[in-house]
Structure formats: structure tokens, C-alpha cells
């Protein structure tokens, strides 16, 4: 597991060209090192990084953590359709909307939507898009865990 946030709420921190020039060589070298030991590798990057995903895959990334659903251009269904045959998605349950501000039914609905969008064919690790925050009602945490337990087999 490695991590550096490459995105903001609206797009990458750097243009794809700058990411390729300044960050890709070290990113690729680290992945190559890990792969020599036969390991899978996950990378943590919050934010809207959809324009960088083809590069991440080309560098050998196996798992993207997290899929942050409440930012620009990170629609779970679209990402699964475009990249799901080459990349495992980890995360996707909103800590910005559903968990802190929704009802338990909203949370269950979001978990169901994420399984419907991301689970077909495998390559999905369900969890929150980041740490559960202190403003999250306990009823929603309970709904999250129960929904994941109920729906989490595919």
C-alpha cells in the first residue's frame, strides 16, 4: 500500500502531463519494485483523478483506494465500465454525504448501488471512501455494516 493524494474535489492536483513528467517515474519504479516480490499493490489517492487512471494502470497498479464518489468525474459505474477489467476499486461509500447526512435507508441504498455498479466480475472491495468521521450518526454506521454484511458476497 502506498499513497499520495493526486486529486482535489474538481480534478487532479497536476495536469496529466505534469504528473507524467514529475511523478510517474517514481510511481512506476516503486510499483516495479513491489511486483518483483510478487505482491499486488494498492495506491491511496483521494480526489478526482480519473484523467490519471490510465497512467496508474499502465504503471502496474492493481487497486485504487479509494474510489471517492462525491468528486468530479469519479462515477462508480463509469469507472467500472472503463477500467474495471484492469483495476480493483476499493472504497466508494460516501463520507461526505450519505454517511454523515443521510438516513440509514440512504446508506443501505448507497451500499446496494455500489455493489450493483462495482461488484459484477469482481474487483471491488467495499468500504468507505475514507475514515468514518465523528459527525456520522451511529445509526448510519450500523446501517453501513449491516448492509455490507448482507450484500457483501458476490
N, C-alpha and C. Protein backbone atom coordinates (compact mmCIF):
# COMPACT_ATOMS: atom_id res chain seq x y z
N UNK A 1 0.85 -1.18 0.00
CA UNK A 1 0.00 0.00 0.00
C UNK A 1 0.89 1.23 0.00
N UNK A 2 0.60 2.10 -0.92
CA UNK A 2 1.30 3.38 -0.97
C UNK A 2 0.27 4.47 -1.14
N UNK A 3 0.66 5.70 -0.94
CA UNK A 3 -0.32 6.74 -1.11
C UNK A 3 0.25 8.13 -1.17
N UNK A 4 -0.33 8.90 -2.01
CA UNK A 4 -0.15 10.34 -2.15
C UNK A 4 -1.42 10.82 -2.82
N UNK A 5 -2.03 11.85 -2.29
CA UNK A 5 -3.24 12.37 -2.92
C UNK A 5 -2.87 13.11 -4.20
N UNK A 6 -3.45 12.65 -5.30
CA UNK A 6 -3.22 13.27 -6.60
C UNK A 6 -4.38 14.16 -7.03
N UNK A 7 -5.48 14.19 -6.25
CA UNK A 7 -6.65 14.90 -6.71
C UNK A 7 -7.26 15.85 -5.69
N UNK A 8 -8.10 16.73 -6.21
CA UNK A 8 -8.91 17.65 -5.43
C UNK A 8 -10.37 17.27 -5.66
N UNK A 9 -11.30 18.07 -5.18
CA UNK A 9 -12.72 17.81 -5.41
C UNK A 9 -13.09 17.95 -6.89
N UNK A 10 -12.30 18.70 -7.64
CA UNK A 10 -12.69 19.01 -9.02
C UNK A 10 -11.77 18.44 -10.09
N UNK A 11 -10.64 17.91 -9.73
CA UNK A 11 -9.72 17.36 -10.73
C UNK A 11 -8.37 17.07 -10.13
N UNK A 12 -7.44 16.59 -10.94
CA UNK A 12 -6.09 16.32 -10.46
C UNK A 12 -5.38 17.58 -9.96
N UNK A 13 -4.48 17.38 -8.99
CA UNK A 13 -3.66 18.49 -8.49
C UNK A 13 -2.72 19.01 -9.57
N UNK A 14 -2.24 18.10 -10.41
CA UNK A 14 -1.35 18.45 -11.52
C UNK A 14 -2.02 18.03 -12.81
N UNK A 15 -1.67 18.67 -13.89
CA UNK A 15 -2.16 18.21 -15.18
C UNK A 15 -1.59 16.81 -15.43
N UNK A 16 -2.28 16.00 -16.23
CA UNK A 16 -1.71 14.69 -16.55
C UNK A 16 -0.29 14.78 -17.12
N UNK A 17 -0.02 15.80 -17.93
CA UNK A 17 1.33 15.95 -18.49
C UNK A 17 2.36 16.20 -17.39
N UNK A 18 2.03 17.04 -16.44
CA UNK A 18 2.96 17.30 -15.33
C UNK A 18 3.11 16.07 -14.44
N UNK A 19 2.00 15.35 -14.20
CA UNK A 19 2.08 14.12 -13.40
C UNK A 19 3.03 13.14 -14.07
N UNK A 20 2.88 12.99 -15.38
CA UNK A 20 3.76 12.07 -16.12
C UNK A 20 5.23 12.50 -16.03
N UNK A 21 5.48 13.78 -16.13
CA UNK A 21 6.86 14.28 -16.11
C UNK A 21 7.49 14.16 -14.72
N UNK A 22 6.77 14.55 -13.69
CA UNK A 22 7.38 14.67 -12.37
C UNK A 22 7.11 13.50 -11.42
N UNK A 23 5.98 12.84 -11.54
CA UNK A 23 5.63 11.81 -10.56
C UNK A 23 5.63 10.39 -11.11
N UNK A 24 5.31 10.23 -12.36
CA UNK A 24 5.20 8.89 -12.91
C UNK A 24 6.48 8.06 -12.78
N UNK A 25 7.67 8.61 -13.04
CA UNK A 25 8.86 7.76 -12.94
C UNK A 25 9.02 7.12 -11.56
N UNK A 26 8.85 7.88 -10.50
CA UNK A 26 8.97 7.31 -9.15
C UNK A 26 7.83 6.38 -8.81
N UNK A 27 6.63 6.71 -9.26
CA UNK A 27 5.46 5.85 -9.06
C UNK A 27 5.70 4.49 -9.71
N UNK A 28 6.15 4.52 -10.95
CA UNK A 28 6.41 3.28 -11.70
C UNK A 28 7.55 2.48 -11.07
N UNK A 29 8.59 3.15 -10.64
CA UNK A 29 9.73 2.45 -10.03
C UNK A 29 9.31 1.74 -8.75
N UNK A 30 8.47 2.38 -7.95
CA UNK A 30 8.01 1.74 -6.71
C UNK A 30 7.15 0.52 -7.03
N UNK A 31 6.25 0.65 -8.00
CA UNK A 31 5.42 -0.49 -8.39
C UNK A 31 6.28 -1.62 -8.92
N UNK A 32 7.25 -1.30 -9.76
CA UNK A 32 8.14 -2.34 -10.29
C UNK A 32 8.86 -3.09 -9.18
N UNK A 33 9.31 -2.37 -8.16
CA UNK A 33 9.98 -2.99 -7.02
C UNK A 33 9.04 -3.96 -6.30
N UNK A 34 7.84 -3.52 -6.02
CA UNK A 34 6.86 -4.36 -5.33
C UNK A 34 6.53 -5.60 -6.15
N UNK A 35 6.35 -5.42 -7.44
CA UNK A 35 5.99 -6.54 -8.32
C UNK A 35 7.11 -7.58 -8.38
N UNK A 36 8.36 -7.17 -8.23
CA UNK A 36 9.47 -8.14 -8.21
C UNK A 36 9.34 -9.12 -7.06
N UNK A 37 8.63 -8.72 -6.01
CA UNK A 37 8.39 -9.60 -4.87
C UNK A 37 7.07 -10.36 -4.99
N UNK A 38 6.41 -10.23 -6.13
CA UNK A 38 5.18 -10.96 -6.38
C UNK A 38 3.95 -10.43 -5.67
N UNK A 39 3.99 -9.19 -5.26
CA UNK A 39 2.88 -8.61 -4.50
C UNK A 39 1.94 -7.81 -5.40
N UNK A 40 0.71 -7.71 -4.96
CA UNK A 40 -0.25 -6.77 -5.54
C UNK A 40 -0.01 -5.43 -4.86
N UNK A 41 -0.36 -4.36 -5.54
CA UNK A 41 -0.12 -3.05 -4.97
C UNK A 41 -1.36 -2.16 -5.07
N UNK A 42 -1.62 -1.49 -3.97
CA UNK A 42 -2.72 -0.54 -3.88
C UNK A 42 -2.15 0.86 -3.69
N UNK A 43 -2.85 1.82 -4.24
CA UNK A 43 -2.43 3.21 -4.07
C UNK A 43 -3.60 4.01 -3.53
N UNK A 44 -3.34 4.80 -2.49
CA UNK A 44 -4.33 5.70 -1.92
C UNK A 44 -4.18 7.08 -2.54
N UNK A 45 -5.27 7.53 -3.14
CA UNK A 45 -5.33 8.91 -3.59
C UNK A 45 -6.76 9.39 -3.51
N UNK A 46 -7.01 10.33 -2.64
CA UNK A 46 -8.32 10.97 -2.61
C UNK A 46 -8.45 11.87 -3.83
N UNK A 47 -9.68 12.23 -4.10
CA UNK A 47 -9.93 13.25 -5.10
C UNK A 47 -10.30 12.73 -6.47
N UNK A 48 -10.50 13.68 -7.33
CA UNK A 48 -10.89 13.43 -8.71
C UNK A 48 -9.65 13.18 -9.55
N UNK A 49 -9.37 11.92 -9.80
CA UNK A 49 -8.14 11.56 -10.52
C UNK A 49 -8.41 10.75 -11.78
N UNK A 50 -9.63 10.77 -12.26
CA UNK A 50 -9.99 9.97 -13.43
C UNK A 50 -9.04 10.16 -14.60
N UNK A 51 -8.58 11.38 -14.92
CA UNK A 51 -7.65 11.51 -16.05
C UNK A 51 -6.32 10.78 -15.85
N UNK A 52 -5.98 10.47 -14.60
CA UNK A 52 -4.71 9.79 -14.32
C UNK A 52 -4.83 8.27 -14.29
N UNK A 53 -6.05 7.76 -14.21
CA UNK A 53 -6.23 6.31 -14.04
C UNK A 53 -5.58 5.49 -15.15
N UNK A 54 -5.68 5.87 -16.42
CA UNK A 54 -4.97 5.06 -17.43
C UNK A 54 -3.46 4.97 -17.17
N UNK A 55 -2.86 6.05 -16.70
CA UNK A 55 -1.43 6.02 -16.37
C UNK A 55 -1.16 5.11 -15.18
N UNK A 56 -2.01 5.17 -14.16
CA UNK A 56 -1.84 4.33 -12.98
C UNK A 56 -1.88 2.86 -13.38
N UNK A 57 -2.83 2.51 -14.23
CA UNK A 57 -2.93 1.13 -14.71
C UNK A 57 -1.71 0.75 -15.52
N UNK A 58 -1.30 1.62 -16.42
CA UNK A 58 -0.13 1.34 -17.26
C UNK A 58 1.13 1.13 -16.42
N UNK A 59 1.21 1.81 -15.28
CA UNK A 59 2.35 1.64 -14.38
C UNK A 59 2.28 0.31 -13.60
N UNK A 60 1.14 -0.37 -13.65
CA UNK A 60 1.01 -1.65 -12.99
C UNK A 60 0.18 -1.65 -11.72
N UNK A 61 -0.52 -0.56 -11.42
CA UNK A 61 -1.33 -0.51 -10.22
C UNK A 61 -2.43 -1.57 -10.27
N UNK A 62 -2.67 -2.23 -9.14
CA UNK A 62 -3.70 -3.26 -9.04
C UNK A 62 -4.98 -2.75 -8.39
N UNK A 63 -4.86 -1.90 -7.35
CA UNK A 63 -6.00 -1.49 -6.55
C UNK A 63 -5.96 0.02 -6.33
N UNK A 64 -7.07 0.68 -6.64
CA UNK A 64 -7.19 2.11 -6.39
C UNK A 64 -8.00 2.33 -5.13
N UNK A 65 -7.41 2.98 -4.15
CA UNK A 65 -8.04 3.30 -2.88
C UNK A 65 -7.96 4.80 -2.66
N UNK A 66 -9.03 5.47 -2.42
CA UNK A 66 -10.40 4.99 -2.53
C UNK A 66 -11.00 5.43 -3.85
N UNK A 67 -12.12 4.86 -4.16
CA UNK A 67 -12.97 5.46 -5.18
C UNK A 67 -13.83 6.45 -4.39
N UNK A 68 -13.55 7.73 -4.58
CA UNK A 68 -14.26 8.78 -3.85
C UNK A 68 -15.43 9.25 -4.71
N UNK A 69 -16.67 8.90 -4.35
CA UNK A 69 -17.80 9.13 -5.25
C UNK A 69 -18.31 10.55 -5.34
N UNK A 70 -17.97 11.40 -4.40
CA UNK A 70 -18.55 12.74 -4.35
C UNK A 70 -17.69 13.82 -4.97
N UNK A 71 -16.78 13.43 -5.81
CA UNK A 71 -15.93 14.40 -6.50
C UNK A 71 -16.18 14.30 -8.00
N UNK A 72 -15.70 15.25 -8.74
CA UNK A 72 -15.94 15.31 -10.18
C UNK A 72 -15.35 14.09 -10.89
N UNK A 73 -16.07 13.59 -11.86
CA UNK A 73 -15.59 12.57 -12.80
C UNK A 73 -15.19 11.24 -12.16
N UNK A 74 -15.78 10.91 -11.02
CA UNK A 74 -15.45 9.63 -10.37
C UNK A 74 -16.72 8.79 -10.17
N UNK A 75 -17.57 8.77 -11.18
CA UNK A 75 -18.79 7.98 -11.13
C UNK A 75 -18.45 6.50 -11.10
N UNK A 76 -18.89 5.77 -10.08
CA UNK A 76 -18.52 4.36 -9.95
C UNK A 76 -18.87 3.51 -11.17
N UNK A 77 -20.07 3.68 -11.73
CA UNK A 77 -20.47 2.87 -12.89
C UNK A 77 -19.57 3.13 -14.08
N UNK A 78 -19.28 4.39 -14.33
CA UNK A 78 -18.42 4.76 -15.46
C UNK A 78 -17.01 4.22 -15.27
N UNK A 79 -16.47 4.37 -14.07
CA UNK A 79 -15.11 3.87 -13.82
C UNK A 79 -15.04 2.36 -13.96
N UNK A 80 -16.04 1.66 -13.47
CA UNK A 80 -16.06 0.20 -13.60
C UNK A 80 -16.11 -0.19 -15.07
N UNK A 81 -16.97 0.46 -15.83
CA UNK A 81 -17.09 0.16 -17.26
C UNK A 81 -15.78 0.41 -18.00
N UNK A 82 -15.12 1.51 -17.68
CA UNK A 82 -13.92 1.90 -18.42
C UNK A 82 -12.66 1.17 -17.97
N UNK A 83 -12.56 0.88 -16.65
CA UNK A 83 -11.30 0.39 -16.11
C UNK A 83 -11.41 -0.89 -15.29
N UNK A 84 -12.63 -1.36 -15.05
CA UNK A 84 -12.85 -2.47 -14.13
C UNK A 84 -12.24 -3.79 -14.53
N UNK A 85 -11.88 -3.96 -15.79
CA UNK A 85 -11.23 -5.19 -16.21
C UNK A 85 -9.73 -5.16 -15.92
N UNK A 86 -9.22 -4.00 -15.49
CA UNK A 86 -7.78 -3.87 -15.24
C UNK A 86 -7.43 -3.31 -13.87
N UNK A 87 -8.45 -2.93 -13.09
CA UNK A 87 -8.19 -2.26 -11.83
C UNK A 87 -9.26 -2.65 -10.82
N UNK A 88 -8.83 -2.94 -9.60
CA UNK A 88 -9.75 -3.21 -8.49
C UNK A 88 -10.04 -1.89 -7.79
N UNK A 89 -11.32 -1.67 -7.48
CA UNK A 89 -11.73 -0.45 -6.80
C UNK A 89 -12.01 -0.73 -5.33
N UNK A 90 -11.48 0.11 -4.46
CA UNK A 90 -11.59 -0.05 -3.01
C UNK A 90 -12.21 1.23 -2.47
N UNK A 91 -13.32 1.08 -1.77
CA UNK A 91 -13.98 2.26 -1.21
C UNK A 91 -15.33 2.48 -1.83
N UNK A 92 -15.72 3.71 -1.99
CA UNK A 92 -16.89 4.19 -2.73
C UNK A 92 -18.10 4.56 -1.89
N UNK A 93 -18.10 4.29 -0.60
CA UNK A 93 -19.23 4.70 0.24
C UNK A 93 -18.93 6.11 0.75
N UNK A 94 -19.84 7.02 0.49
CA UNK A 94 -19.62 8.44 0.74
C UNK A 94 -19.50 8.78 2.22
N UNK A 95 -18.40 9.43 2.57
CA UNK A 95 -18.26 10.01 3.91
C UNK A 95 -18.58 11.50 3.89
N UNK A 96 -18.90 12.01 2.70
CA UNK A 96 -19.21 13.43 2.56
C UNK A 96 -20.71 13.70 2.52
N UNK A 97 -21.50 12.69 2.16
CA UNK A 97 -22.94 12.90 2.04
C UNK A 97 -23.73 11.82 2.75
N UNK A 98 -23.74 10.61 2.21
CA UNK A 98 -24.64 9.57 2.73
C UNK A 98 -24.41 9.27 4.21
N UNK A 99 -23.18 9.02 4.59
CA UNK A 99 -22.94 8.64 5.99
C UNK A 99 -23.23 9.78 6.97
N UNK A 100 -22.71 10.98 6.78
CA UNK A 100 -22.97 12.00 7.80
C UNK A 100 -24.36 12.63 7.71
N UNK A 101 -24.93 12.71 6.52
CA UNK A 101 -26.16 13.50 6.35
C UNK A 101 -27.37 12.69 5.91
N UNK A 102 -27.18 11.44 5.51
CA UNK A 102 -28.30 10.62 5.06
C UNK A 102 -28.97 9.90 6.21
N UNK A 103 -29.98 9.15 5.86
CA UNK A 103 -30.67 8.29 6.81
C UNK A 103 -30.09 6.88 6.70
N UNK A 104 -30.39 6.00 7.63
CA UNK A 104 -29.96 4.60 7.47
C UNK A 104 -30.43 4.00 6.14
N UNK A 105 -31.63 4.35 5.68
CA UNK A 105 -32.09 3.86 4.38
C UNK A 105 -31.25 4.41 3.23
N UNK A 106 -30.81 5.67 3.33
CA UNK A 106 -29.92 6.24 2.31
C UNK A 106 -28.61 5.48 2.26
N UNK A 107 -28.08 5.14 3.43
CA UNK A 107 -26.81 4.41 3.50
C UNK A 107 -26.98 3.02 2.87
N UNK A 108 -28.04 2.31 3.24
CA UNK A 108 -28.28 0.99 2.65
C UNK A 108 -28.44 1.08 1.13
N UNK A 109 -29.15 2.10 0.68
CA UNK A 109 -29.34 2.29 -0.76
C UNK A 109 -28.00 2.53 -1.46
N UNK A 110 -27.13 3.34 -0.84
CA UNK A 110 -25.82 3.60 -1.45
C UNK A 110 -24.98 2.33 -1.50
N UNK A 111 -24.99 1.55 -0.44
CA UNK A 111 -24.24 0.28 -0.45
C UNK A 111 -24.75 -0.60 -1.58
N UNK A 112 -26.07 -0.73 -1.72
CA UNK A 112 -26.66 -1.54 -2.80
C UNK A 112 -26.23 -1.01 -4.16
N UNK A 113 -26.29 0.32 -4.36
CA UNK A 113 -25.89 0.91 -5.64
C UNK A 113 -24.42 0.62 -5.95
N UNK A 114 -23.58 0.68 -4.93
CA UNK A 114 -22.15 0.42 -5.17
C UNK A 114 -21.91 -1.04 -5.54
N UNK A 115 -22.59 -1.96 -4.88
CA UNK A 115 -22.44 -3.37 -5.26
C UNK A 115 -22.97 -3.60 -6.68
N UNK A 116 -24.10 -2.99 -7.01
CA UNK A 116 -24.65 -3.14 -8.36
C UNK A 116 -23.68 -2.60 -9.40
N UNK A 117 -23.04 -1.48 -9.11
CA UNK A 117 -22.14 -0.84 -10.07
C UNK A 117 -20.77 -1.49 -10.15
N UNK A 118 -20.22 -1.89 -9.00
CA UNK A 118 -18.80 -2.26 -8.96
C UNK A 118 -18.51 -3.74 -8.78
N UNK A 119 -19.45 -4.51 -8.28
CA UNK A 119 -19.17 -5.91 -7.98
C UNK A 119 -19.17 -6.85 -9.20
N UNK A 120 -20.00 -6.61 -10.22
CA UNK A 120 -20.02 -7.58 -11.32
C UNK A 120 -18.63 -7.85 -11.90
N UNK A 121 -18.29 -9.11 -11.96
CA UNK A 121 -16.99 -9.51 -12.49
C UNK A 121 -15.86 -9.44 -11.48
N UNK A 122 -16.15 -9.03 -10.26
CA UNK A 122 -15.12 -8.94 -9.22
C UNK A 122 -14.38 -7.62 -9.29
N UNK A 123 -13.34 -7.52 -8.48
CA UNK A 123 -12.54 -6.31 -8.47
C UNK A 123 -13.13 -5.17 -7.67
N UNK A 124 -13.82 -5.51 -6.57
CA UNK A 124 -14.41 -4.47 -5.74
C UNK A 124 -14.23 -4.85 -4.27
N UNK A 125 -13.67 -3.90 -3.50
CA UNK A 125 -13.54 -4.05 -2.06
C UNK A 125 -14.40 -2.94 -1.46
N UNK A 126 -15.52 -3.33 -0.85
CA UNK A 126 -16.43 -2.34 -0.32
C UNK A 126 -15.89 -1.76 0.99
N UNK A 127 -15.97 -0.47 1.10
CA UNK A 127 -15.69 0.23 2.35
C UNK A 127 -15.97 1.70 2.10
N UNK A 128 -15.76 2.49 3.11
CA UNK A 128 -15.96 3.93 2.97
C UNK A 128 -14.86 4.54 2.11
N UNK A 129 -15.17 5.71 1.57
CA UNK A 129 -14.20 6.40 0.72
C UNK A 129 -13.04 6.97 1.52
N UNK A 130 -13.20 7.05 2.82
CA UNK A 130 -12.13 7.45 3.73
C UNK A 130 -12.60 7.09 5.12
N UNK A 131 -11.93 7.55 6.15
CA UNK A 131 -12.30 7.22 7.52
C UNK A 131 -13.69 7.75 7.86
N UNK A 132 -14.45 6.97 8.61
CA UNK A 132 -15.74 7.44 9.10
C UNK A 132 -15.46 8.60 10.06
N UNK A 133 -16.17 9.71 9.84
CA UNK A 133 -15.91 10.92 10.60
C UNK A 133 -16.81 11.00 11.84
N UNK A 134 -16.42 11.85 12.77
CA UNK A 134 -17.12 11.98 14.05
C UNK A 134 -18.56 12.48 13.90
N UNK A 135 -18.87 13.15 12.79
CA UNK A 135 -20.23 13.65 12.61
C UNK A 135 -21.19 12.61 12.03
N UNK A 136 -20.75 11.38 11.89
CA UNK A 136 -21.59 10.33 11.35
C UNK A 136 -22.47 9.73 12.44
N UNK A 137 -23.79 9.76 12.27
CA UNK A 137 -24.67 9.15 13.27
C UNK A 137 -24.40 7.65 13.41
N UNK A 138 -24.45 7.18 14.63
CA UNK A 138 -24.20 5.75 14.87
C UNK A 138 -25.19 4.86 14.13
N UNK A 139 -26.41 5.33 13.94
CA UNK A 139 -27.40 4.54 13.19
C UNK A 139 -26.92 4.31 11.75
N UNK A 140 -26.23 5.29 11.19
CA UNK A 140 -25.74 5.15 9.82
C UNK A 140 -24.53 4.22 9.76
N UNK A 141 -23.71 4.24 10.79
CA UNK A 141 -22.59 3.29 10.85
C UNK A 141 -23.13 1.87 10.94
N UNK A 142 -24.14 1.68 11.78
CA UNK A 142 -24.77 0.37 11.92
C UNK A 142 -25.40 -0.06 10.59
N UNK A 143 -26.09 0.84 9.92
CA UNK A 143 -26.69 0.53 8.62
C UNK A 143 -25.62 0.15 7.60
N UNK A 144 -24.49 0.85 7.62
CA UNK A 144 -23.39 0.54 6.71
C UNK A 144 -22.88 -0.87 6.94
N UNK A 145 -22.56 -1.19 8.18
CA UNK A 145 -22.01 -2.51 8.49
C UNK A 145 -23.01 -3.61 8.17
N UNK A 146 -24.28 -3.40 8.51
CA UNK A 146 -25.29 -4.42 8.22
C UNK A 146 -25.49 -4.61 6.73
N UNK A 147 -25.53 -3.51 5.97
CA UNK A 147 -25.71 -3.62 4.52
C UNK A 147 -24.51 -4.31 3.87
N UNK A 148 -23.32 -3.98 4.32
CA UNK A 148 -22.12 -4.64 3.76
C UNK A 148 -22.13 -6.13 4.08
N UNK A 149 -22.54 -6.48 5.28
CA UNK A 149 -22.62 -7.89 5.67
C UNK A 149 -23.65 -8.62 4.81
N UNK A 150 -24.79 -7.99 4.61
CA UNK A 150 -25.86 -8.61 3.84
C UNK A 150 -25.54 -8.73 2.36
N UNK A 151 -24.97 -7.67 1.78
CA UNK A 151 -24.75 -7.61 0.35
C UNK A 151 -23.34 -8.00 -0.07
N UNK A 152 -22.46 -8.18 0.88
CA UNK A 152 -21.04 -8.29 0.60
C UNK A 152 -20.54 -9.61 0.08
N UNK A 153 -21.39 -10.39 -0.49
CA UNK A 153 -20.95 -11.66 -1.09
C UNK A 153 -21.38 -11.66 -2.55
N UNK A 154 -20.43 -11.86 -3.41
CA UNK A 154 -20.77 -11.91 -4.83
C UNK A 154 -19.82 -12.83 -5.55
